[in-house]
Each structure stands twice: as structure tokens, then as C-alpha cells.
Amino acid sequence: MVTINGQKSLAVGIIENTNLRILDTQVSINIHIINSNKKKLLIGSNWLAKYKVNLILSENKLKF
């Protein structure tokens, strides 16, 4: 897997079919765990495409 900074990293684990809640919406996702010193969740482009997400970067919004 390639991290957000462009470096390759192996997943140290996977949490399958867990729930992600964004406001009032809950969806099932697989989470790939990597070693990092940051506490962030990065949503991959495959998830964005699956749920037809519209990113409105100028407003810091995500709609799906």
C-alpha cells in the first residue's frame, strides 16, 4: 500500500467489515492498519468511488 506521503508500507493488520459512521450514515468498511505516528483515518479512492463521494475541498465537506 502507498501512504499519503507516497511511501510504501505494509499493512500490519486488517479489520474487516467494521462500521464507519459519518454523521447519521453508517457504512461497512475494511480498515488496513499501518504503522504511523499520526492518529488519522485515510479513506481510499476505492471507497470514495463505491459510495460516489463528492469532495468539496473549498468547503472541507464530503457528500455521499
Protein backbone atom coordinates (compact mmCIF):
# COMPACT_ATOMS: atom_id res chain seq x y z
CA MET A 1 0.00 0.00 0.00
CA VAL A 2 1.18 3.56 -0.66
CA THR A 3 0.71 6.05 2.17
CA ILE A 4 -0.38 9.65 1.79
CA ASN A 5 3.25 10.82 1.74
CA GLY A 6 4.00 8.49 -1.20
CA GLN A 7 5.97 5.90 0.75
CA LYS A 8 5.24 2.18 0.51
CA SER A 9 4.10 0.49 3.71
CA LEU A 10 2.91 -3.00 4.53
CA ALA A 11 -0.34 -3.41 6.43
CA VAL A 12 0.27 -4.86 9.89
CA GLY A 13 -3.35 -5.92 10.14
CA ILE A 14 -6.82 -5.66 8.62
CA ILE A 15 -10.13 -5.10 10.39
CA GLU A 16 -12.79 -6.49 8.08
CA ASN A 17 -16.41 -5.38 7.80
CA THR A 18 -16.28 -2.80 10.56
CA ASN A 19 -18.63 0.17 10.67
CA LEU A 20 -17.68 3.73 9.81
CA ARG A 21 -20.16 6.39 10.91
CA ILE A 22 -20.18 9.82 9.30
CA LEU A 23 -22.84 11.94 10.99
CA ASP A 24 -26.07 9.91 10.64
CA THR A 25 -24.79 7.48 8.00
CA GLN A 26 -23.12 4.17 8.76
CA VAL A 27 -21.24 2.11 6.16
CA SER A 28 -19.23 -1.10 6.28
CA ILE A 29 -15.50 -0.85 5.50
CA ASN A 30 -12.28 -2.83 5.75
CA ILE A 31 -9.54 -0.95 7.62
CA HIS A 32 -5.92 -1.65 6.70
CA ILE A 33 -3.69 -0.85 9.70
CA ILE A 34 -0.19 0.56 9.10
CA ASN A 35 2.48 1.79 11.49
CA SER A 36 2.22 5.56 11.86
CA ASN A 37 2.81 8.25 14.44
CA LYS A 38 -0.41 10.03 13.38
CA LYS A 39 -3.94 9.23 14.55
CA LYS A 40 -5.76 9.71 11.25
CA LEU A 41 -8.15 7.65 9.16
CA LEU A 42 -7.42 7.90 5.45
CA ILE A 43 -10.31 6.91 3.20
CA GLY A 44 -9.11 5.32 -0.05
CA SER A 45 -10.22 6.17 -3.55
CA ASN A 46 -11.96 2.79 -3.93
CA TRP A 47 -14.26 3.72 -1.02
CA LEU A 48 -14.86 7.17 -2.49
CA ALA A 49 -15.82 5.63 -5.85
CA LYS A 50 -18.04 2.92 -4.30
CA TYR A 51 -20.17 5.49 -2.46
CA LYS A 52 -20.00 8.12 -5.25
CA VAL A 53 -18.48 10.67 -2.88
CA ASN A 54 -18.38 14.33 -3.84
CA LEU A 55 -15.42 16.10 -2.21
CA ILE A 56 -15.96 19.83 -1.81
CA LEU A 57 -12.44 20.83 -0.81
CA SER A 58 -13.13 24.57 -0.78
CA GLU A 59 -15.69 23.94 2.00
CA ASN A 60 -13.94 20.96 3.69
CA LYS A 61 -17.02 18.80 3.01
CA LEU A 62 -17.65 15.24 1.89
CA LYS A 63 -21.07 14.32 0.47
CA PHE A 64 -22.27 10.84 -0.46
